[in-house]
């Protein structure tokens, strides 16, 4: 019996240690999420080179050491931000294409590529708008070719192949152009929305995402159909 209190104290100490570890882990996750959220918005607005770590740490209200601990550098932070949404949207696009069945139409393929991102924007998560801006940045930068190759190209190739199967006789280059035209139209709409609102002085409903999506789908499908015609 004499050893029972000591055993209980030992077990109680282990429980406290476990609780402290869980709390530290939770705080670490919360801090990491706050850094990602703040940095995502700043990078979307100004790009990798237009944002300093000091700006990020100031807005996130964290020490620089914590950013270095979680991400090692500003570039690695940028890459982590892009990767977390790129993986989600890539899986969603492949799933959407699969759900179109074995013989999708041109509009089906275009819709499977465009709709997953539009759907997430409709849900009000501004982070997806930030992601679209970062795709635009990365798409025109040789600095991130490896990131494009790792996170974007596998899904891109699936859609290129889907376009190719629509007319196996055409030049394979047409399939790549079809993909590029679809991606370019989508990015121009999403990244250029603020400019359209300014140009139209906020009139005409140019920021109506649902209306824009319906027209973009038809526009892109028509463009792809034209691209697949070797004329």
Protein backbone atom coordinates (compact mmCIF):
# COMPACT_ATOMS: atom_id res chain seq x y z
CA UNK A 1 0.00 0.00 0.00
CA UNK A 2 2.91 2.32 0.78
CA UNK A 3 3.86 2.38 -2.91
CA UNK A 4 0.38 3.33 -4.13
CA UNK A 5 0.57 7.11 -3.49
CA UNK A 6 3.96 7.25 -5.19
CA UNK A 7 2.59 5.36 -8.19
CA UNK A 8 -0.39 7.71 -8.36
CA UNK A 9 1.91 10.74 -8.20
CA UNK A 10 4.01 9.29 -11.04
CA UNK A 11 0.94 8.68 -13.21
CA UNK A 12 -0.40 12.14 -12.39
CA UNK A 13 2.93 13.65 -13.42
CA UNK A 14 2.84 11.79 -16.71
CA UNK A 15 -0.69 13.05 -17.37
CA UNK A 16 0.41 16.63 -16.72
CA UNK A 17 3.39 16.24 -19.05
CA UNK A 18 1.13 14.81 -21.73
CA UNK A 19 -1.33 17.68 -21.32
CA UNK A 20 1.46 20.26 -21.56
CA UNK A 21 2.77 18.61 -24.74
CA UNK A 22 -0.68 18.64 -26.32
CA UNK A 23 -1.12 22.31 -25.45
CA UNK A 24 2.29 23.21 -26.88
CA UNK A 25 1.45 21.28 -30.03
CA UNK A 26 -1.90 23.09 -30.36
CA UNK A 27 -0.23 26.47 -29.88
CA UNK A 28 2.36 25.55 -32.48
CA UNK A 29 -0.31 24.62 -35.01
CA UNK A 30 -2.22 27.84 -34.32
CA UNK A 31 0.92 29.90 -34.76
CA UNK A 32 1.79 28.14 -37.99
CA UNK A 33 -1.73 28.66 -39.34
CA UNK A 34 -1.61 32.37 -38.46
CA UNK A 35 1.72 32.80 -40.25
CA UNK A 36 0.39 31.01 -43.33
CA UNK A 37 -2.80 33.08 -43.43
CA UNK A 38 -1.05 36.44 -43.11
CA UNK A 39 1.77 35.59 -45.50
CA UNK A 40 -0.65 34.21 -48.10
CA UNK A 41 -2.51 37.51 -48.27
CA UNK A 42 0.68 39.59 -48.44
CA UNK A 43 2.32 37.39 -51.05
CA UNK A 44 -0.83 37.46 -53.19
CA UNK A 45 -0.79 41.26 -53.14
CA UNK A 46 2.93 41.89 -53.60
CA UNK A 47 4.68 38.67 -54.63
CA UNK A 48 7.61 36.95 -53.00
CA UNK A 49 10.07 39.79 -53.50
CA UNK A 50 7.61 42.50 -52.51
CA UNK A 51 7.10 41.24 -48.96
CA UNK A 52 9.62 41.13 -46.13
CA UNK A 53 9.66 38.66 -43.28
CA UNK A 54 9.44 41.63 -40.94
CA UNK A 55 6.08 42.61 -42.48
CA UNK A 56 4.80 39.06 -42.08
CA UNK A 57 5.92 38.70 -38.47
CA UNK A 58 4.54 42.12 -37.60
CA UNK A 59 1.05 41.36 -38.96
CA UNK A 60 1.03 37.82 -37.61
CA UNK A 61 2.34 39.08 -34.25
CA UNK A 62 5.00 36.39 -34.01
CA UNK A 63 8.75 36.41 -33.56
CA UNK A 64 10.99 35.98 -36.58
CA UNK A 65 12.46 32.93 -34.91
CA UNK A 66 9.09 31.18 -35.14
CA UNK A 67 8.89 31.73 -38.90
CA UNK A 68 12.39 30.33 -39.29
CA UNK A 69 11.50 27.41 -37.03
CA UNK A 70 8.37 26.44 -38.99
CA UNK A 71 9.54 27.27 -42.53
CA UNK A 72 13.34 27.98 -42.48
CA UNK A 73 13.11 30.87 -44.99
CA UNK A 74 10.75 33.28 -46.75
CA UNK A 75 10.94 31.28 -49.99
CA UNK A 76 10.11 28.04 -48.20
CA UNK A 77 7.15 29.80 -46.57
CA UNK A 78 5.94 30.92 -50.01
CA UNK A 79 6.27 27.38 -51.31
CA UNK A 80 4.40 25.90 -48.33
CA UNK A 81 1.54 28.35 -48.81
CA UNK A 82 1.20 27.53 -52.48
CA UNK A 83 1.53 23.77 -51.97
CA UNK A 84 -1.25 23.43 -49.39
CA UNK A 85 -3.94 24.73 -51.77
CA UNK A 86 -2.43 23.39 -54.99
CA UNK A 87 -2.74 19.82 -53.71
CA UNK A 88 -6.37 20.35 -52.69
CA UNK A 89 -7.45 21.89 -55.98
CA UNK A 90 -5.53 19.34 -58.07
CA UNK A 91 -7.30 16.44 -56.38
CA UNK A 92 -10.66 18.19 -56.80
CA UNK A 93 -10.08 18.75 -60.53
CA UNK A 94 -9.08 15.16 -61.20
CA UNK A 95 -12.10 13.93 -59.25
CA UNK A 96 -14.42 16.29 -61.17
CA UNK A 97 -13.05 15.08 -64.49
CA UNK A 98 -13.51 11.45 -63.47
CA UNK A 99 -17.13 12.16 -62.53
CA UNK A 100 -17.81 13.40 -66.07
CA UNK A 101 -17.65 9.80 -67.26
CA UNK A 102 -15.56 8.00 -69.89
CA UNK A 103 -16.52 10.26 -72.81
CA UNK A 104 -16.60 13.88 -71.62
CA UNK A 105 -17.40 16.70 -74.00
CA UNK A 106 -15.19 19.75 -74.46
CA UNK A 107 -17.40 21.68 -72.05
CA UNK A 108 -17.19 18.83 -69.53
CA UNK A 109 -13.38 18.93 -69.54
CA UNK A 110 -13.31 22.72 -69.28
CA UNK A 111 -15.87 22.66 -66.49
CA UNK A 112 -13.95 20.01 -64.52
CA UNK A 113 -10.92 22.29 -64.59
CA UNK A 114 -12.64 25.60 -63.83
CA UNK A 115 -15.50 24.73 -61.47
CA UNK A 116 -13.53 23.38 -58.44
CA UNK A 117 -11.78 26.71 -57.94
CA UNK A 118 -14.92 28.76 -58.62
CA UNK A 119 -16.81 26.60 -56.13
CA UNK A 120 -14.30 27.38 -53.39
CA UNK A 121 -14.39 31.09 -54.15
CA UNK A 122 -18.17 31.00 -53.86
CA UNK A 123 -17.79 29.66 -50.32
CA UNK A 124 -16.21 32.95 -49.29
CA UNK A 125 -12.70 31.73 -48.46
CA UNK A 126 -10.56 34.66 -49.61
CA UNK A 127 -7.54 32.40 -49.49
CA UNK A 128 -8.56 30.85 -52.79
CA UNK A 129 -8.45 34.26 -54.42
CA UNK A 130 -4.96 34.66 -52.97
CA UNK A 131 -4.07 31.26 -54.37
CA UNK A 132 -5.23 32.29 -57.85
CA UNK A 133 -3.01 35.38 -57.65
CA UNK A 134 -0.05 33.22 -56.64
CA UNK A 135 -0.69 30.85 -59.56
CA UNK A 136 -0.46 33.89 -61.81
CA UNK A 137 2.85 34.87 -60.22
CA UNK A 138 4.33 31.40 -60.42
CA UNK A 139 3.13 30.76 -63.97
CA UNK A 140 5.30 33.59 -65.27
CA UNK A 141 8.37 32.97 -63.13
CA UNK A 142 11.27 30.68 -64.00
CA UNK A 143 12.19 30.75 -60.32
CA UNK A 144 9.42 28.29 -59.50
CA UNK A 145 9.61 25.88 -62.43
CA UNK A 146 10.32 23.04 -60.01
CA UNK A 147 7.21 23.94 -58.00
CA UNK A 148 5.08 23.99 -61.14
CA UNK A 149 6.53 20.65 -62.19
CA UNK A 150 5.84 19.05 -58.82
CA UNK A 151 2.40 20.47 -58.00
CA UNK A 152 0.75 21.63 -61.22
CA UNK A 153 2.11 19.59 -64.12
CA UNK A 154 0.75 16.16 -63.13
CA UNK A 155 -2.83 17.47 -63.15
CA UNK A 156 -2.15 19.59 -66.22
CA UNK A 157 -1.04 16.49 -68.11
CA UNK A 158 -4.27 14.71 -67.18
CA UNK A 159 -6.28 17.55 -68.72
CA UNK A 160 -4.01 17.77 -71.75
CA UNK A 161 -4.68 14.07 -72.32
CA UNK A 162 -8.42 14.64 -71.85
CA UNK A 163 -8.32 17.34 -74.54
CA UNK A 164 -6.30 15.04 -76.80
CA UNK A 165 -8.85 12.24 -76.50
CA UNK A 166 -11.55 14.58 -77.80
CA UNK A 167 -9.90 14.30 -81.22
CA UNK A 168 -6.95 11.87 -81.27
CA UNK A 169 -6.13 12.81 -84.88
CA UNK A 170 -5.08 16.37 -84.18
CA UNK A 171 -1.56 17.60 -83.47
CA UNK A 172 -0.66 17.05 -79.81
CA UNK A 173 0.40 20.69 -79.55
CA UNK A 174 -3.26 21.64 -79.86
CA UNK A 175 -4.03 19.87 -76.60
CA UNK A 176 -1.39 21.84 -74.74
CA UNK A 177 -2.67 25.08 -76.22
CA UNK A 178 -6.21 24.13 -75.22
CA UNK A 179 -5.03 23.68 -71.64
CA UNK A 180 -3.10 26.97 -71.71
CA UNK A 181 -6.09 28.89 -73.08
CA UNK A 182 -8.37 27.44 -70.40
CA UNK A 183 -5.97 28.25 -67.56
CA UNK A 184 -5.22 31.71 -68.94
CA UNK A 185 -8.89 32.62 -69.23
CA UNK A 186 -9.58 31.50 -65.69
CA UNK A 187 -6.63 33.37 -64.18
CA UNK A 188 -7.36 36.54 -66.13
CA UNK A 189 -10.92 36.59 -64.83
CA UNK A 190 -10.00 35.97 -61.20
CA UNK A 191 -6.83 38.04 -60.96
CA UNK A 192 -8.22 40.83 -63.13
CA UNK A 193 -11.57 41.17 -61.35
CA UNK A 194 -10.50 44.27 -59.40
CA UNK A 195 -9.37 45.97 -62.58
CA UNK A 196 -12.71 45.21 -64.25
CA UNK A 197 -14.56 46.69 -61.29
CA UNK A 198 -12.45 49.85 -61.55
CA UNK A 199 -12.90 50.11 -65.31
CA UNK A 200 -16.67 49.69 -65.02
CA UNK A 201 -16.88 51.94 -61.94
CA UNK A 202 -18.51 49.01 -60.10
CA UNK A 203 -21.43 48.96 -62.52
CA UNK A 204 -22.77 46.19 -64.71
CA UNK A 205 -22.25 43.40 -62.21
CA UNK A 206 -18.77 42.51 -63.48
CA UNK A 207 -17.97 41.02 -60.08
CA UNK A 208 -20.90 38.57 -60.23
CA UNK A 209 -18.87 35.36 -60.01
CA UNK A 210 -21.73 33.03 -60.94
CA UNK A 211 -22.58 34.96 -64.12
CA UNK A 212 -18.91 35.28 -65.02
CA UNK A 213 -18.37 31.55 -64.46
CA UNK A 214 -21.21 30.55 -66.78
CA UNK A 215 -19.84 32.76 -69.54
CA UNK A 216 -16.24 31.75 -68.93
CA UNK A 217 -17.20 28.09 -69.28
CA UNK A 218 -18.82 28.73 -72.68
CA UNK A 219 -16.05 31.08 -73.77
CA UNK A 220 -13.26 28.66 -72.84
CA UNK A 221 -15.06 25.69 -74.39
CA UNK A 222 -15.50 27.64 -77.63
CA UNK A 223 -11.85 28.65 -77.58
CA UNK A 224 -10.73 25.08 -76.99
CA UNK A 225 -12.92 23.83 -79.81
CA UNK A 226 -11.32 26.39 -82.12
CA UNK A 227 -7.83 25.45 -80.90
CA UNK A 228 -8.44 21.79 -81.61
CA UNK A 229 -9.28 22.60 -85.23
CA UNK A 230 -5.99 22.47 -87.12
CA UNK A 231 -6.63 25.29 -89.56
